[in-house]
Amino acid sequence: LGATLAAGITVPVSEWLGGWRWALASWGLLA
């Protein structure tokens, strides 16, 4: 599930947040 969420929503999150850096950093919140 964790792998699926990261693979499936990281690109949309990057578009929403305005860049790939924000999308990658956002996974720190889940941890």
mmCIF file of all heavy atoms, coordinates in Angstrom:
data_MODEL
# 
_entry.id   MODEL 
# 
loop_
_atom_site.group_PDB 
_atom_site.id 
_atom_site.type_symbol 
_atom_site.label_atom_id 
_atom_site.label_alt_id 
_atom_site.label_comp_id 
_atom_site.label_asym_id 
_atom_site.label_entity_id 
_atom_site.label_seq_id 
_atom_site.pdbx_PDB_ins_code 
_atom_site.Cartn_x 
_atom_site.Cartn_y 
_atom_site.Cartn_z 
_atom_site.occupancy 
_atom_site.B_iso_or_equiv 
_atom_site.pdbx_formal_charge 
_atom_site.auth_seq_id 
_atom_site.auth_comp_id 
_atom_site.auth_asym_id 
_atom_site.auth_atom_id 
_atom_site.pdbx_PDB_model_num 
ATOM 1   N N   . LEU A 1 1  ? 0.835  -1.205 0.000   1.00 0.00 ? 1  LEU A N   1 
ATOM 2   C CA  . LEU A 1 1  ? 0.000  0.000  0.000   1.00 0.00 ? 1  LEU A CA  1 
ATOM 3   C C   . LEU A 1 1  ? 0.867  1.253  0.000   1.00 0.00 ? 1  LEU A C   1 
ATOM 4   O O   . LEU A 1 1  ? 0.613  2.198  -0.754  1.00 0.00 ? 1  LEU A O   1 
ATOM 5   C CB  . LEU A 1 1  ? -0.919 -0.007 1.219   1.00 0.00 ? 1  LEU A CB  1 
ATOM 6   C CG  . LEU A 1 1  ? -1.782 1.241  1.419   1.00 0.00 ? 1  LEU A CG  1 
ATOM 7   C CD1 . LEU A 1 1  ? -2.722 1.433  0.232   1.00 0.00 ? 1  LEU A CD1 1 
ATOM 8   C CD2 . LEU A 1 1  ? -2.570 1.152  2.725   1.00 0.00 ? 1  LEU A CD2 1 
ATOM 9   N N   . GLY A 1 2  ? 1.894  1.268  0.854   1.00 0.00 ? 2  GLY A N   1 
ATOM 10  C CA  . GLY A 1 2  ? 2.788  2.419  0.872   1.00 0.00 ? 2  GLY A CA  1 
ATOM 11  C C   . GLY A 1 2  ? 3.488  2.610  -0.456  1.00 0.00 ? 2  GLY A C   1 
ATOM 12  O O   . GLY A 1 2  ? 3.611  3.742  -0.959  1.00 0.00 ? 2  GLY A O   1 
ATOM 13  N N   . ALA A 1 3  ? 3.946  1.500  -1.052  1.00 0.00 ? 3  ALA A N   1 
ATOM 14  C CA  . ALA A 1 3  ? 4.588  1.589  -2.361  1.00 0.00 ? 3  ALA A CA  1 
ATOM 15  C C   . ALA A 1 3  ? 3.620  2.072  -3.423  1.00 0.00 ? 3  ALA A C   1 
ATOM 16  O O   . ALA A 1 3  ? 3.973  2.878  -4.300  1.00 0.00 ? 3  ALA A O   1 
ATOM 17  C CB  . ALA A 1 3  ? 5.166  0.225  -2.744  1.00 0.00 ? 3  ALA A CB  1 
ATOM 18  N N   . THR A 1 4  ? 2.377  1.585  -3.347  1.00 0.00 ? 4  THR A N   1 
ATOM 19  C CA  . THR A 1 4  ? 1.363  1.964  -4.326  1.00 0.00 ? 4  THR A CA  1 
ATOM 20  C C   . THR A 1 4  ? 1.028  3.448  -4.235  1.00 0.00 ? 4  THR A C   1 
ATOM 21  O O   . THR A 1 4  ? 0.942  4.149  -5.257  1.00 0.00 ? 4  THR A O   1 
ATOM 22  C CB  . THR A 1 4  ? 0.090  1.129  -4.118  1.00 0.00 ? 4  THR A CB  1 
ATOM 23  O OG1 . THR A 1 4  ? 0.411  -0.253 -4.246  1.00 0.00 ? 4  THR A OG1 1 
ATOM 24  C CG2 . THR A 1 4  ? -0.976 1.493  -5.131  1.00 0.00 ? 4  THR A CG2 1 
ATOM 25  N N   . LEU A 1 5  ? 0.828  3.931  -3.028  1.00 0.00 ? 5  LEU A N   1 
ATOM 26  C CA  . LEU A 1 5  ? 0.513  5.345  -2.846  1.00 0.00 ? 5  LEU A CA  1 
ATOM 27  C C   . LEU A 1 5  ? 1.613  6.228  -3.411  1.00 0.00 ? 5  LEU A C   1 
ATOM 28  O O   . LEU A 1 5  ? 1.348  7.199  -4.129  1.00 0.00 ? 5  LEU A O   1 
ATOM 29  C CB  . LEU A 1 5  ? 0.310  5.644  -1.355  1.00 0.00 ? 5  LEU A CB  1 
ATOM 30  C CG  . LEU A 1 5  ? -0.980 5.143  -0.714  1.00 0.00 ? 5  LEU A CG  1 
ATOM 31  C CD1 . LEU A 1 5  ? -0.934 5.358  0.794   1.00 0.00 ? 5  LEU A CD1 1 
ATOM 32  C CD2 . LEU A 1 5  ? -2.189 5.853  -1.315  1.00 0.00 ? 5  LEU A CD2 1 
ATOM 33  N N   . ALA A 1 6  ? 2.854  5.866  -3.099  1.00 0.00 ? 6  ALA A N   1 
ATOM 34  C CA  . ALA A 1 6  ? 3.975  6.690  -3.554  1.00 0.00 ? 6  ALA A CA  1 
ATOM 35  C C   . ALA A 1 6  ? 4.104  6.669  -5.069  1.00 0.00 ? 6  ALA A C   1 
ATOM 36  O O   . ALA A 1 6  ? 4.361  7.699  -5.693  1.00 0.00 ? 6  ALA A O   1 
ATOM 37  C CB  . ALA A 1 6  ? 5.266  6.211  -2.895  1.00 0.00 ? 6  ALA A CB  1 
ATOM 38  N N   . ALA A 1 7  ? 3.932  5.478  -5.670  1.00 0.00 ? 7  ALA A N   1 
ATOM 39  C CA  . ALA A 1 7  ? 4.051  5.376  -7.122  1.00 0.00 ? 7  ALA A CA  1 
ATOM 40  C C   . ALA A 1 7  ? 2.905  6.063  -7.842  1.00 0.00 ? 7  ALA A C   1 
ATOM 41  O O   . ALA A 1 7  ? 3.087  6.656  -8.908  1.00 0.00 ? 7  ALA A O   1 
ATOM 42  C CB  . ALA A 1 7  ? 4.115  3.901  -7.532  1.00 0.00 ? 7  ALA A CB  1 
ATOM 43  N N   . GLY A 1 8  ? 1.707  6.005  -7.257  1.00 0.00 ? 8  GLY A N   1 
ATOM 44  C CA  . GLY A 1 8  ? 0.520  6.490  -7.948  1.00 0.00 ? 8  GLY A CA  1 
ATOM 45  C C   . GLY A 1 8  ? 0.235  7.966  -7.803  1.00 0.00 ? 8  GLY A C   1 
ATOM 46  O O   . GLY A 1 8  ? -0.291 8.586  -8.734  1.00 0.00 ? 8  GLY A O   1 
ATOM 47  N N   . ILE A 1 9  ? 0.570  8.556  -6.655  1.00 0.00 ? 9  ILE A N   1 
ATOM 48  C CA  . ILE A 1 9  ? 0.154  9.942  -6.434  1.00 0.00 ? 9  ILE A CA  1 
ATOM 49  C C   . ILE A 1 9  ? 1.304  10.935 -6.392  1.00 0.00 ? 9  ILE A C   1 
ATOM 50  O O   . ILE A 1 9  ? 1.058  12.144 -6.285  1.00 0.00 ? 9  ILE A O   1 
ATOM 51  C CB  . ILE A 1 9  ? -0.670 10.072 -5.135  1.00 0.00 ? 9  ILE A CB  1 
ATOM 52  C CG1 . ILE A 1 9  ? 0.212  9.906  -3.891  1.00 0.00 ? 9  ILE A CG1 1 
ATOM 53  C CG2 . ILE A 1 9  ? -1.811 9.081  -5.116  1.00 0.00 ? 9  ILE A CG2 1 
ATOM 54  C CD1 . ILE A 1 9  ? -0.517 10.211 -2.597  1.00 0.00 ? 9  ILE A CD1 1 
ATOM 55  N N   . THR A 1 10 ? 2.547  10.478 -6.507  1.00 0.00 ? 10 THR A N   1 
ATOM 56  C CA  . THR A 1 10 ? 3.656  11.421 -6.427  1.00 0.00 ? 10 THR A CA  1 
ATOM 57  C C   . THR A 1 10 ? 3.654  12.400 -7.600  1.00 0.00 ? 10 THR A C   1 
ATOM 58  O O   . THR A 1 10 ? 3.915  13.597 -7.413  1.00 0.00 ? 10 THR A O   1 
ATOM 59  C CB  . THR A 1 10 ? 5.004  10.674 -6.367  1.00 0.00 ? 10 THR A CB  1 
ATOM 60  O OG1 . THR A 1 10 ? 5.027  9.841  -5.210  1.00 0.00 ? 10 THR A OG1 1 
ATOM 61  C CG2 . THR A 1 10 ? 6.161  11.649 -6.278  1.00 0.00 ? 10 THR A CG2 1 
ATOM 62  N N   . VAL A 1 11 ? 3.361  11.913 -8.808  1.00 0.00 ? 11 VAL A N   1 
ATOM 63  C CA  . VAL A 1 11 ? 3.295  12.826 -9.961  1.00 0.00 ? 11 VAL A CA  1 
ATOM 64  C C   . VAL A 1 11 ? 2.158  13.834 -9.814  1.00 0.00 ? 11 VAL A C   1 
ATOM 65  O O   . VAL A 1 11 ? 2.378  15.046 -9.978  1.00 0.00 ? 11 VAL A O   1 
ATOM 66  C CB  . VAL A 1 11 ? 3.167  12.033 -11.282 1.00 0.00 ? 11 VAL A CB  1 
ATOM 67  C CG1 . VAL A 1 11 ? 2.855  12.974 -12.444 1.00 0.00 ? 11 VAL A CG1 1 
ATOM 68  C CG2 . VAL A 1 11 ? 4.457  11.277 -11.566 1.00 0.00 ? 11 VAL A CG2 1 
ATOM 69  N N   . PRO A 1 12 ? 0.910  13.405 -9.496  1.00 0.00 ? 12 PRO A N   1 
ATOM 70  C CA  . PRO A 1 12 ? -0.127 14.415 -9.266  1.00 0.00 ? 12 PRO A CA  1 
ATOM 71  C C   . PRO A 1 12 ? 0.207  15.383 -8.136  1.00 0.00 ? 12 PRO A C   1 
ATOM 72  O O   . PRO A 1 12 ? -0.107 16.573 -8.228  1.00 0.00 ? 12 PRO A O   1 
ATOM 73  C CB  . PRO A 1 12 ? -1.364 13.568 -8.930  1.00 0.00 ? 12 PRO A CB  1 
ATOM 74  C CG  . PRO A 1 12 ? -1.127 12.254 -9.576  1.00 0.00 ? 12 PRO A CG  1 
ATOM 75  C CD  . PRO A 1 12 ? 0.351  12.039 -9.473  1.00 0.00 ? 12 PRO A CD  1 
ATOM 76  N N   . VAL A 1 13 ? 0.831  14.895 -7.079  1.00 0.00 ? 13 VAL A N   1 
ATOM 77  C CA  . VAL A 1 13 ? 1.216  15.783 -5.982  1.00 0.00 ? 13 VAL A CA  1 
ATOM 78  C C   . VAL A 1 13 ? 2.250  16.800 -6.455  1.00 0.00 ? 13 VAL A C   1 
ATOM 79  O O   . VAL A 1 13 ? 2.213  17.971 -6.068  1.00 0.00 ? 13 VAL A O   1 
ATOM 80  C CB  . VAL A 1 13 ? 1.761  14.966 -4.787  1.00 0.00 ? 13 VAL A CB  1 
ATOM 81  C CG1 . VAL A 1 13 ? 2.431  15.869 -3.760  1.00 0.00 ? 13 VAL A CG1 1 
ATOM 82  C CG2 . VAL A 1 13 ? 0.634  14.182 -4.132  1.00 0.00 ? 13 VAL A CG2 1 
ATOM 83  N N   . SER A 1 14 ? 3.171  16.371 -7.310  1.00 0.00 ? 14 SER A N   1 
ATOM 84  C CA  . SER A 1 14 ? 4.175  17.312 -7.832  1.00 0.00 ? 14 SER A CA  1 
ATOM 85  C C   . SER A 1 14 ? 3.521  18.406 -8.661  1.00 0.00 ? 14 SER A C   1 
ATOM 86  O O   . SER A 1 14 ? 3.942  19.573 -8.618  1.00 0.00 ? 14 SER A O   1 
ATOM 87  C CB  . SER A 1 14 ? 5.225  16.563 -8.667  1.00 0.00 ? 14 SER A CB  1 
ATOM 88  O OG  . SER A 1 14 ? 4.688  16.133 -9.899  1.00 0.00 ? 14 SER A OG  1 
ATOM 89  N N   . GLU A 1 15 ? 2.490  18.041 -9.426  1.00 0.00 ? 15 GLU A N   1 
ATOM 90  C CA  . GLU A 1 15 ? 1.766  19.040 -10.218 1.00 0.00 ? 15 GLU A CA  1 
ATOM 91  C C   . GLU A 1 15 ? 0.967  19.978 -9.313  1.00 0.00 ? 15 GLU A C   1 
ATOM 92  O O   . GLU A 1 15 ? 0.870  21.183 -9.579  1.00 0.00 ? 15 GLU A O   1 
ATOM 93  C CB  . GLU A 1 15 ? 0.842  18.335 -11.209 1.00 0.00 ? 15 GLU A CB  1 
ATOM 94  C CG  . GLU A 1 15 ? 1.606  17.498 -12.243 1.00 0.00 ? 15 GLU A CG  1 
ATOM 95  C CD  . GLU A 1 15 ? 0.687  16.636 -13.084 1.00 0.00 ? 15 GLU A CD  1 
ATOM 96  O OE1 . GLU A 1 15 ? -0.531 16.576 -12.759 1.00 0.00 ? 15 GLU A OE1 1 
ATOM 97  O OE2 . GLU A 1 15 ? 1.173  16.011 -14.053 1.00 0.00 ? 15 GLU A OE2 1 
ATOM 98  N N   . TRP A 1 16 ? 0.429  19.429 -8.242  1.00 0.00 ? 16 TRP A N   1 
ATOM 99  C CA  . TRP A 1 16 ? -0.373 20.232 -7.319  1.00 0.00 ? 16 TRP A CA  1 
ATOM 100 C C   . TRP A 1 16 ? 0.503  21.185 -6.499  1.00 0.00 ? 16 TRP A C   1 
ATOM 101 O O   . TRP A 1 16 ? 0.160  22.348 -6.297  1.00 0.00 ? 16 TRP A O   1 
ATOM 102 C CB  . TRP A 1 16 ? -1.154 19.289 -6.395  1.00 0.00 ? 16 TRP A CB  1 
ATOM 103 C CG  . TRP A 1 16 ? -2.003 19.990 -5.383  1.00 0.00 ? 16 TRP A CG  1 
ATOM 104 C CD1 . TRP A 1 16 ? -2.898 20.985 -5.607  1.00 0.00 ? 16 TRP A CD1 1 
ATOM 105 C CD2 . TRP A 1 16 ? -2.023 19.732 -3.979  1.00 0.00 ? 16 TRP A CD2 1 
ATOM 106 N NE1 . TRP A 1 16 ? -3.498 21.376 -4.429  1.00 0.00 ? 16 TRP A NE1 1 
ATOM 107 C CE2 . TRP A 1 16 ? -2.978 20.622 -3.410  1.00 0.00 ? 16 TRP A CE2 1 
ATOM 108 C CE3 . TRP A 1 16 ? -1.366 18.841 -3.146  1.00 0.00 ? 16 TRP A CE3 1 
ATOM 109 C CZ2 . TRP A 1 16 ? -3.252 20.642 -2.044  1.00 0.00 ? 16 TRP A CZ2 1 
ATOM 110 C CZ3 . TRP A 1 16 ? -1.640 18.849 -1.793  1.00 0.00 ? 16 TRP A CZ3 1 
ATOM 111 C CH2 . TRP A 1 16 ? -2.569 19.750 -1.253  1.00 0.00 ? 16 TRP A CH2 1 
ATOM 112 N N   . LEU A 1 17 ? 1.640  20.677 -6.047  1.00 0.00 ? 17 LEU A N   1 
ATOM 113 C CA  . LEU A 1 17 ? 2.516  21.487 -5.199  1.00 0.00 ? 17 LEU A CA  1 
ATOM 114 C C   . LEU A 1 17 ? 3.487  22.356 -5.992  1.00 0.00 ? 17 LEU A C   1 
ATOM 115 O O   . LEU A 1 17 ? 4.121  23.251 -5.429  1.00 0.00 ? 17 LEU A O   1 
ATOM 116 C CB  . LEU A 1 17 ? 3.311  20.579 -4.246  1.00 0.00 ? 17 LEU A CB  1 
ATOM 117 C CG  . LEU A 1 17 ? 2.496  19.812 -3.204  1.00 0.00 ? 17 LEU A CG  1 
ATOM 118 C CD1 . LEU A 1 17 ? 3.414  18.941 -2.361  1.00 0.00 ? 17 LEU A CD1 1 
ATOM 119 C CD2 . LEU A 1 17 ? 1.721  20.782 -2.300  1.00 0.00 ? 17 LEU A CD2 1 
ATOM 120 N N   . GLY A 1 18 ? 3.615  22.080 -7.290  1.00 0.00 ? 18 GLY A N   1 
ATOM 121 C CA  . GLY A 1 18 ? 4.452  22.941 -8.113  1.00 0.00 ? 18 GLY A CA  1 
ATOM 122 C C   . GLY A 1 18 ? 5.875  22.469 -8.305  1.00 0.00 ? 18 GLY A C   1 
ATOM 123 O O   . GLY A 1 18 ? 6.769  23.302 -8.527  1.00 0.00 ? 18 GLY A O   1 
ATOM 124 N N   . GLY A 1 19 ? 6.129  21.165 -8.261  1.00 0.00 ? 19 GLY A N   1 
ATOM 125 C CA  . GLY A 1 19 ? 7.472  20.691 -8.551  1.00 0.00 ? 19 GLY A CA  1 
ATOM 126 C C   . GLY A 1 19 ? 7.768  19.348 -7.913  1.00 0.00 ? 19 GLY A C   1 
ATOM 127 O O   . GLY A 1 19 ? 7.149  18.953 -6.913  1.00 0.00 ? 19 GLY A O   1 
ATOM 128 N N   . TRP A 1 20 ? 8.739  18.632 -8.501  1.00 0.00 ? 20 TRP A N   1 
ATOM 129 C CA  . TRP A 1 20 ? 9.063  17.289 -8.019  1.00 0.00 ? 20 TRP A CA  1 
ATOM 130 C C   . TRP A 1 20 ? 9.707  17.327 -6.638  1.00 0.00 ? 20 TRP A C   1 
ATOM 131 O O   . TRP A 1 20 ? 9.573  16.378 -5.868  1.00 0.00 ? 20 TRP A O   1 
ATOM 132 C CB  . TRP A 1 20 ? 9.953  16.563 -9.015  1.00 0.00 ? 20 TRP A CB  1 
ATOM 133 C CG  . TRP A 1 20 ? 11.304 17.189 -9.265  1.00 0.00 ? 20 TRP A CG  1 
ATOM 134 C CD1 . TRP A 1 20 ? 11.632 18.087 -10.238 1.00 0.00 ? 20 TRP A CD1 1 
ATOM 135 C CD2 . TRP A 1 20 ? 12.503 16.938 -8.523  1.00 0.00 ? 20 TRP A CD2 1 
ATOM 136 N NE1 . TRP A 1 20 ? 12.956 18.420 -10.161 1.00 0.00 ? 20 TRP A NE1 1 
ATOM 137 C CE2 . TRP A 1 20 ? 13.521 17.727 -9.111  1.00 0.00 ? 20 TRP A CE2 1 
ATOM 138 C CE3 . TRP A 1 20 ? 12.829 16.136 -7.425  1.00 0.00 ? 20 TRP A CE3 1 
ATOM 139 C CZ2 . TRP A 1 20 ? 14.840 17.735 -8.644  1.00 0.00 ? 20 TRP A CZ2 1 
ATOM 140 C CZ3 . TRP A 1 20 ? 14.135 16.145 -6.948  1.00 0.00 ? 20 TRP A CZ3 1 
ATOM 141 C CH2 . TRP A 1 20 ? 15.127 16.939 -7.546  1.00 0.00 ? 20 TRP A CH2 1 
ATOM 142 N N   . ARG A 1 21 ? 10.396 18.423 -6.314  1.00 0.00 ? 21 ARG A N   1 
ATOM 143 C CA  . ARG A 1 21 ? 11.051 18.497 -5.005  1.00 0.00 ? 21 ARG A CA  1 
ATOM 144 C C   . ARG A 1 21 ? 10.024 18.496 -3.869  1.00 0.00 ? 21 ARG A C   1 
ATOM 145 O O   . ARG A 1 21 ? 10.186 17.805 -2.856  1.00 0.00 ? 21 ARG A O   1 
ATOM 146 C CB  . ARG A 1 21 ? 11.932 19.737 -4.929  1.00 0.00 ? 21 ARG A CB  1 
ATOM 147 C CG  . ARG A 1 21 ? 13.199 19.646 -5.775  1.00 0.00 ? 21 ARG A CG  1 
ATOM 148 C CD  . ARG A 1 21 ? 14.042 20.913 -5.666  1.00 0.00 ? 21 ARG A CD  1 
ATOM 149 N NE  . ARG A 1 21 ? 15.346 20.735 -6.287  1.00 0.00 ? 21 ARG A NE  1 
ATOM 150 C CZ  . ARG A 1 21 ? 15.586 20.924 -7.581  1.00 0.00 ? 21 ARG A CZ  1 
ATOM 151 N NH1 . ARG A 1 21 ? 14.586 21.288 -8.399  1.00 0.00 ? 21 ARG A NH1 1 
ATOM 152 N NH2 . ARG A 1 21 ? 16.800 20.742 -8.065  1.00 0.00 ? 21 ARG A NH2 1 
ATOM 153 N N   . TRP A 1 22 ? 8.968  19.273 -4.028  1.00 0.00 ? 22 TRP A N   1 
ATOM 154 C CA  . TRP A 1 22 ? 7.925  19.307 -2.998  1.00 0.00 ? 22 TRP A CA  1 
ATOM 155 C C   . TRP A 1 22 ? 7.236  17.953 -2.870  1.00 0.00 ? 22 TRP A C   1 
ATOM 156 O O   . TRP A 1 22 ? 6.874  17.524 -1.761  1.00 0.00 ? 22 TRP A O   1 
ATOM 157 C CB  . TRP A 1 22 ? 6.908  20.393 -3.329  1.00 0.00 ? 22 TRP A CB  1 
ATOM 158 C CG  . TRP A 1 22 ? 7.417  21.784 -3.107  1.00 0.00 ? 22 TRP A CG  1 
ATOM 159 C CD1 . TRP A 1 22 ? 7.794  22.683 -4.069  1.00 0.00 ? 22 TRP A CD1 1 
ATOM 160 C CD2 . TRP A 1 22 ? 7.617  22.427 -1.857  1.00 0.00 ? 22 TRP A CD2 1 
ATOM 161 N NE1 . TRP A 1 22 ? 8.221  23.846 -3.493  1.00 0.00 ? 22 TRP A NE1 1 
ATOM 162 C CE2 . TRP A 1 22 ? 8.120  23.723 -2.127  1.00 0.00 ? 22 TRP A CE2 1 
ATOM 163 C CE3 . TRP A 1 22 ? 7.422  22.043 -0.534  1.00 0.00 ? 22 TRP A CE3 1 
ATOM 164 C CZ2 . TRP A 1 22 ? 8.423  24.629 -1.130  1.00 0.00 ? 22 TRP A CZ2 1 
ATOM 165 C CZ3 . TRP A 1 22 ? 7.725  22.955 0.477   1.00 0.00 ? 22 TRP A CZ3 1 
ATOM 166 C CH2 . TRP A 1 22 ? 8.221  24.224 0.173   1.00 0.00 ? 22 TRP A CH2 1 
ATOM 167 N N   . ALA A 1 23 ? 7.042  17.285 -4.001  1.00 0.00 ? 23 ALA A N   1 
ATOM 168 C CA  . ALA A 1 23 ? 6.373  15.982 -3.974  1.00 0.00 ? 23 ALA A CA  1 
ATOM 169 C C   . ALA A 1 23 ? 7.202  14.961 -3.200  1.00 0.00 ? 23 ALA A C   1 
ATOM 170 O O   . ALA A 1 23 ? 6.671  14.209 -2.370  1.00 0.00 ? 23 ALA A O   1 
ATOM 171 C CB  . ALA A 1 23 ? 6.114  15.488 -5.392  1.00 0.00 ? 23 ALA A CB  1 
ATOM 172 N N   . LEU A 1 24 ? 8.511  14.923 -3.446  1.00 0.00 ? 24 LEU A N   1 
ATOM 173 C CA  . LEU A 1 24 ? 9.361  13.988 -2.715  1.00 0.00 ? 24 LEU A CA  1 
ATOM 174 C C   . LEU A 1 24 ? 9.420  14.332 -1.232  1.00 0.00 ? 24 LEU A C   1 
ATOM 175 O O   . LEU A 1 24 ? 9.376  13.452 -0.372  1.00 0.00 ? 24 LEU A O   1 
ATOM 176 C CB  . LEU A 1 24 ? 10.772 13.973 -3.317  1.00 0.00 ? 24 LEU A CB  1 
ATOM 177 C CG  . LEU A 1 24 ? 10.928 13.334 -4.692  1.00 0.00 ? 24 LEU A CG  1 
ATOM 178 C CD1 . LEU A 1 24 ? 12.408 13.325 -5.098  1.00 0.00 ? 24 LEU A CD1 1 
ATOM 179 C CD2 . LEU A 1 24 ? 10.378 11.915 -4.716  1.00 0.00 ? 24 LEU A CD2 1 
ATOM 180 N N   . ALA A 1 25 ? 9.533  15.612 -0.919  1.00 0.00 ? 25 ALA A N   1 
ATOM 181 C CA  . ALA A 1 25 ? 9.629  16.027 0.484   1.00 0.00 ? 25 ALA A CA  1 
ATOM 182 C C   . ALA A 1 25 ? 8.354  15.731 1.260   1.00 0.00 ? 25 ALA A C   1 
ATOM 183 O O   . ALA A 1 25 ? 8.399  15.501 2.480   1.00 0.00 ? 25 ALA A O   1 
ATOM 184 C CB  . ALA A 1 25 ? 9.957  17.513 0.569   1.00 0.00 ? 25 ALA A CB  1 
ATOM 185 N N   . SER A 1 26 ? 7.222  15.710 0.575   1.00 0.00 ? 26 SER A N   1 
ATOM 186 C CA  . SER A 1 26 ? 5.946  15.521 1.272   1.00 0.00 ? 26 SER A CA  1 
ATOM 187 C C   . SER A 1 26 ? 5.853  14.169 1.957   1.00 0.00 ? 26 SER A C   1 
ATOM 188 O O   . SER A 1 26 ? 5.094  14.005 2.924   1.00 0.00 ? 26 SER A O   1 
ATOM 189 C CB  . SER A 1 26 ? 4.778  15.688 0.293   1.00 0.00 ? 26 SER A CB  1 
ATOM 190 O OG  . SER A 1 26 ? 4.774  14.643 -0.674  1.00 0.00 ? 26 SER A OG  1 
ATOM 191 N N   . TRP A 1 27 ? 6.623  13.166 1.521   1.00 0.00 ? 27 TRP A N   1 
ATOM 192 C CA  . TRP A 1 27 ? 6.549  11.842 2.134   1.00 0.00 ? 27 TRP A CA  1 
ATOM 193 C C   . TRP A 1 27 ? 7.151  11.820 3.531   1.00 0.00 ? 27 TRP A C   1 
ATOM 194 O O   . TRP A 1 27 ? 6.910  10.893 4.301   1.00 0.00 ? 27 TRP A O   1 
ATOM 195 C CB  . TRP A 1 27 ? 7.201  10.800 1.235   1.00 0.00 ? 27 TRP A CB  1 
ATOM 196 C CG  . TRP A 1 27 ? 6.395  10.592 -0.007  1.00 0.00 ? 27 TRP A CG  1 
ATOM 197 C CD1 . TRP A 1 27 ? 6.664  11.039 -1.262  1.00 0.00 ? 27 TRP A CD1 1 
ATOM 198 C CD2 . TRP A 1 27 ? 5.123  9.940  -0.090  1.00 0.00 ? 27 TRP A CD2 1 
ATOM 199 N NE1 . TRP A 1 27 ? 5.662  10.693 -2.131  1.00 0.00 ? 27 TRP A NE1 1 
ATOM 200 C CE2 . TRP A 1 27 ? 4.698  10.012 -1.433  1.00 0.00 ? 27 TRP A CE2 1 
ATOM 201 C CE3 . TRP A 1 27 ? 4.305  9.286  0.831   1.00 0.00 ? 27 TRP A CE3 1 
ATOM 202 C CZ2 . TRP A 1 27 ? 3.492  9.465  -1.871  1.00 0.00 ? 27 TRP A CZ2 1 
ATOM 203 C CZ3 . TRP A 1 27 ? 3.112  8.740  0.397   1.00 0.00 ? 27 TRP A CZ3 1 
ATOM 204 C CH2 . TRP A 1 27 ? 2.711  8.835  -0.934  1.00 0.00 ? 27 TRP A CH2 1 
ATOM 205 N N   . GLY A 1 28 ? 7.908  12.853 3.878   1.00 0.00 ? 28 GLY A N   1 
ATOM 206 C CA  . GLY A 1 28 ? 8.386  12.964 5.245   1.00 0.00 ? 28 GLY A CA  1 
ATOM 207 C C   . GLY A 1 28 ? 7.253  13.160 6.240   1.00 0.00 ? 28 GLY A C   1 
ATOM 208 O O   . GLY A 1 28 ? 7.376  12.781 7.416   1.00 0.00 ? 28 GLY A O   1 
ATOM 209 N N   . LEU A 1 29 ? 6.141  13.750 5.781   1.00 0.00 ? 29 LEU A N   1 
ATOM 210 C CA  . LEU A 1 29 ? 4.997  13.952 6.670   1.00 0.00 ? 29 LEU A CA  1 
ATOM 211 C C   . LEU A 1 29 ? 4.363  12.628 7.079   1.00 0.00 ? 29 LEU A C   1 
ATOM 212 O O   . LEU A 1 29 ? 3.919  12.470 8.219   1.00 0.00 ? 29 LEU A O   1 
ATOM 213 C CB  . LEU A 1 29 ? 3.962  14.841 5.976   1.00 0.00 ? 29 LEU A CB  1 
ATOM 214 C CG  . LEU A 1 29 ? 4.404  16.265 5.631   1.00 0.00 ? 29 LEU A CG  1 
ATOM 215 C CD1 . LEU A 1 29 ? 3.306  16.989 4.848   1.00 0.00 ? 29 LEU A CD1 1 
ATOM 216 C CD2 . LEU A 1 29 ? 4.746  17.034 6.911   1.00 0.00 ? 29 LEU A CD2 1 
ATOM 217 N N   . LEU A 1 30 ? 4.314  11.679 6.149   1.00 0.00 ? 30 LEU A N   1 
ATOM 218 C CA  . LEU A 1 30 ? 3.745  10.371 6.478   1.00 0.00 ? 30 LEU A CA  1 
ATOM 219 C C   . LEU A 1 30 ? 4.600  9.663  7.532   1.00 0.00 ? 30 LEU A C   1 
ATOM 220 O O   . LEU A 1 30 ? 4.076  9.049  8.458   1.00 0.00 ? 30 LEU A O   1 
ATOM 221 C CB  . LEU A 1 30 ? 3.651  9.515  5.217   1.00 0.00 ? 30 LEU A CB  1 
ATOM 222 C CG  . LEU A 1 30 ? 2.982  8.149  5.364   1.00 0.00 ? 30 LEU A CG  1 
ATOM 223 C CD1 . LEU A 1 30 ? 1.516  8.298  5.749   1.00 0.00 ? 30 LEU A CD1 1 
ATOM 224 C CD2 . LEU A 1 30 ? 3.107  7.342  4.064   1.00 0.00 ? 30 LEU A CD2 1 
ATOM 225 N N   . ALA A 1 31 ? 5.906  9.781  7.392   1.00 0.00 ? 31 ALA A N   1 
ATOM 226 C CA  . ALA A 1 31 ? 6.795  9.187  8.394   1.00 0.00 ? 31 ALA A CA  1 
ATOM 227 C C   . ALA A 1 31 ? 6.638  9.875  9.745   1.00 0.00 ? 31 ALA A C   1 
ATOM 228 O O   . ALA A 1 31 ? 6.694  9.222  10.799  1.00 0.00 ? 31 ALA A O   1 
ATOM 229 C CB  . ALA A 1 31 ? 8.243  9.271  7.920   1.00 0.00 ? 31 ALA A CB  1 
# 
